[in-house]
Amino acid sequence: MEDQDFIQRLRKLIGCHFFHLGREWVLHEVLGDEGSVVLSDPTRQSIIQANLFGEPSRKRPETVILPLFGEQPDTLSDELMELLANKVVPPSTDPD
């Protein structure tokens, strides 16, 4: 599978919830050019983000950046594989 095809398929998962590091996260963005995905904290809790000089600048939800690809050619990162294996399936809304 070509990298761009894979990245497009991953982008369809934006907004889905995943377990990572013992917490639930939302897939916020797929950064194809950088080869990473961005997870954000779905709660309303915010952290203070620092600017490039280390000074506090704004409050935002906590984010985590994970690599898409592994160190070997044509492999996915272990972090991404673990993330995809831990997708949170929403409860069924079927009235049956």
C-alpha atoms as a PDB file:
ATOM      1  CA  MET A   1       0.000   0.000   0.000  1.00  0.00           C
ATOM      2  CA  GLU A   2       1.315   3.437  -0.872  1.00  0.00           C
ATOM      3  CA  ASP A   3       1.964   5.855   1.999  1.00  0.00           C
ATOM      4  CA  GLN A   4      -0.546   8.404   0.676  1.00  0.00           C
ATOM      5  CA  ASP A   5      -3.274   5.754   0.384  1.00  0.00           C
ATOM      6  CA  PHE A   6      -2.592   4.673   3.964  1.00  0.00           C
ATOM      7  CA  ILE A   7      -2.627   8.263   5.210  1.00  0.00           C
ATOM      8  CA  GLN A   8      -5.983   8.877   3.503  1.00  0.00           C
ATOM      9  CA  ARG A   9      -7.406   5.770   5.182  1.00  0.00           C
ATOM     10  CA  LEU A  10      -6.093   6.969   8.558  1.00  0.00           C
ATOM     11  CA  ARG A  11      -7.707  10.361   8.045  1.00  0.00           C
ATOM     12  CA  LYS A  12     -11.087   8.634   7.973  1.00  0.00           C
ATOM     13  CA  LEU A  13     -10.451   7.764  11.642  1.00  0.00           C
ATOM     14  CA  ILE A  14     -10.147  11.412  12.722  1.00  0.00           C
ATOM     15  CA  GLY A  15     -12.577  11.937  15.586  1.00  0.00           C
ATOM     16  CA  CYS A  16     -12.432   8.294  16.707  1.00  0.00           C
ATOM     17  CA  HIS A  17     -11.476   7.459  20.284  1.00  0.00           C
ATOM     18  CA  PHE A  18      -8.506   5.261  21.223  1.00  0.00           C
ATOM     19  CA  PHE A  19      -6.863   4.055  24.436  1.00  0.00           C
ATOM     20  CA  HIS A  20      -3.211   5.076  24.779  1.00  0.00           C
ATOM     21  CA  LEU A  21      -1.027   5.257  27.887  1.00  0.00           C
ATOM     22  CA  GLY A  22      -3.951   4.167  30.047  1.00  0.00           C
ATOM     23  CA  ARG A  23      -6.215   7.010  28.919  1.00  0.00           C
ATOM     24  CA  GLU A  24      -8.768   7.686  26.222  1.00  0.00           C
ATOM     25  CA  TRP A  25      -7.705  10.021  23.398  1.00  0.00           C
ATOM     26  CA  VAL A  26      -9.252  11.335  20.173  1.00  0.00           C
ATOM     27  CA  LEU A  27      -7.424  11.119  16.867  1.00  0.00           C
ATOM     28  CA  HIS A  28      -7.165  14.819  16.088  1.00  0.00           C
ATOM     29  CA  GLU A  29      -4.995  14.980  12.963  1.00  0.00           C
ATOM     30  CA  VAL A  30      -2.867  12.905  10.607  1.00  0.00           C
ATOM     31  CA  LEU A  31       0.260  14.784   9.560  1.00  0.00           C
ATOM     32  CA  GLY A  32       1.338  12.960   6.432  1.00  0.00           C
ATOM     33  CA  ASP A  33       4.276  15.245   5.645  1.00  0.00           C
ATOM     34  CA  GLU A  34       5.726  14.749   9.120  1.00  0.00           C
ATOM     35  CA  GLY A  35       4.759  11.092   9.320  1.00  0.00           C
ATOM     36  CA  SER A  36       2.846  11.404  12.577  1.00  0.00           C
ATOM     37  CA  VAL A  37      -0.599  11.440  14.152  1.00  0.00           C
ATOM     38  CA  VAL A  38      -1.865  13.857  16.788  1.00  0.00           C
ATOM     39  CA  LEU A  39      -4.055  12.679  19.648  1.00  0.00           C
ATOM     40  CA  SER A  40      -5.931  15.111  21.867  1.00  0.00           C
ATOM     41  CA  ASP A  41      -7.510  14.745  25.271  1.00  0.00           C
ATOM     42  CA  PRO A  42     -11.308  14.520  24.801  1.00  0.00           C
ATOM     43  CA  THR A  43     -12.048  15.941  28.266  1.00  0.00           C
ATOM     44  CA  ARG A  44     -12.435  19.624  28.880  1.00  0.00           C
ATOM     45  CA  GLN A  45      -9.190  19.698  30.892  1.00  0.00           C
ATOM     46  CA  SER A  46      -6.613  22.080  29.470  1.00  0.00           C
ATOM     47  CA  ILE A  47      -2.900  22.421  30.009  1.00  0.00           C
ATOM     48  CA  ILE A  48      -0.767  25.515  29.654  1.00  0.00           C
ATOM     49  CA  GLN A  49       1.301  25.300  26.480  1.00  0.00           C
ATOM     50  CA  ALA A  50       4.707  26.913  26.283  1.00  0.00           C
ATOM     51  CA  ASN A  51       5.953  28.869  23.296  1.00  0.00           C
ATOM     52  CA  LEU A  52       9.309  28.230  21.588  1.00  0.00           C
ATOM     53  CA  PHE A  53      11.092  30.054  24.403  1.00  0.00           C
ATOM     54  CA  GLY A  54       9.533  27.913  27.133  1.00  0.00           C
ATOM     55  CA  GLU A  55       7.250  30.679  28.342  1.00  0.00           C
ATOM     56  CA  PRO A  56       3.601  29.890  29.079  1.00  0.00           C
ATOM     57  CA  SER A  57       1.466  31.216  26.261  1.00  0.00           C
ATOM     58  CA  ARG A  58      -1.980  29.601  26.083  1.00  0.00           C
ATOM     59  CA  LYS A  59      -4.283  26.905  27.425  1.00  0.00           C
ATOM     60  CA  ARG A  60      -5.149  24.006  25.136  1.00  0.00           C
ATOM     61  CA  PRO A  61      -6.203  20.380  25.482  1.00  0.00           C
ATOM     62  CA  GLU A  62      -3.276  18.060  26.067  1.00  0.00           C
ATOM     63  CA  THR A  63      -1.921  16.474  22.898  1.00  0.00           C
ATOM     64  CA  VAL A  64       0.347  13.539  22.096  1.00  0.00           C
ATOM     65  CA  ILE A  65       2.191  13.038  18.812  1.00  0.00           C
ATOM     66  CA  LEU A  66       2.939   9.492  17.624  1.00  0.00           C
ATOM     67  CA  PRO A  67       5.044   8.424  14.645  1.00  0.00           C
ATOM     68  CA  LEU A  68       3.323   6.724  11.714  1.00  0.00           C
ATOM     69  CA  PHE A  69       6.226   4.703  10.427  1.00  0.00           C
ATOM     70  CA  GLY A  70       8.771   2.385  12.002  1.00  0.00           C
ATOM     71  CA  GLU A  71      12.529   2.527  11.730  1.00  0.00           C
ATOM     72  CA  GLN A  72      12.611  -0.242   9.119  1.00  0.00           C
ATOM     73  CA  PRO A  73      11.445   0.535   5.569  1.00  0.00           C
ATOM     74  CA  ASP A  74       7.781  -0.170   4.843  1.00  0.00           C
ATOM     75  CA  THR A  75       6.848  -0.724   8.504  1.00  0.00           C
ATOM     76  CA  LEU A  76       4.424   1.018  10.831  1.00  0.00           C
ATOM     77  CA  SER A  77       5.548   2.263  14.220  1.00  0.00           C
ATOM     78  CA  ASP A  78       4.856   0.105  17.267  1.00  0.00           C
ATOM     79  CA  GLU A  79       3.033   3.061  18.818  1.00  0.00           C
ATOM     80  CA  LEU A  80       0.637   3.324  15.874  1.00  0.00           C
ATOM     81  CA  MET A  81       0.013  -0.424  15.807  1.00  0.00           C
ATOM     82  CA  GLU A  82      -0.831  -0.376  19.521  1.00  0.00           C
ATOM     83  CA  LEU A  83      -3.083   2.649  19.055  1.00  0.00           C
ATOM     84  CA  LEU A  84      -5.034   1.069  16.194  1.00  0.00           C
ATOM     85  CA  ALA A  85      -5.458  -2.140  18.203  1.00  0.00           C
ATOM     86  CA  ASN A  86      -7.039  -0.142  21.035  1.00  0.00           C
ATOM     87  CA  LYS A  87      -9.820   1.704  19.235  1.00  0.00           C
ATOM     88  CA  VAL A  88     -12.770   2.440  21.475  1.00  0.00           C
ATOM     89  CA  VAL A  89     -15.949   1.027  19.967  1.00  0.00           C
ATOM     90  CA  PRO A  90     -18.924   3.232  20.856  1.00  0.00           C
ATOM     91  CA  PRO A  91     -21.881   1.480  22.480  1.00  0.00           C
ATOM     92  CA  SER A  92     -24.597   0.382  20.126  1.00  0.00           C
ATOM     93  CA  THR A  93     -27.583   2.698  19.844  1.00  0.00           C
ATOM     94  CA  ASP A  94     -29.750  -0.048  18.366  1.00  0.00           C
ATOM     95  CA  PRO A  95     -33.130  -0.031  20.230  1.00  0.00           C
ATOM     96  CA  ASP A  96     -33.422  -3.877  20.111  1.00  0.00           C
END
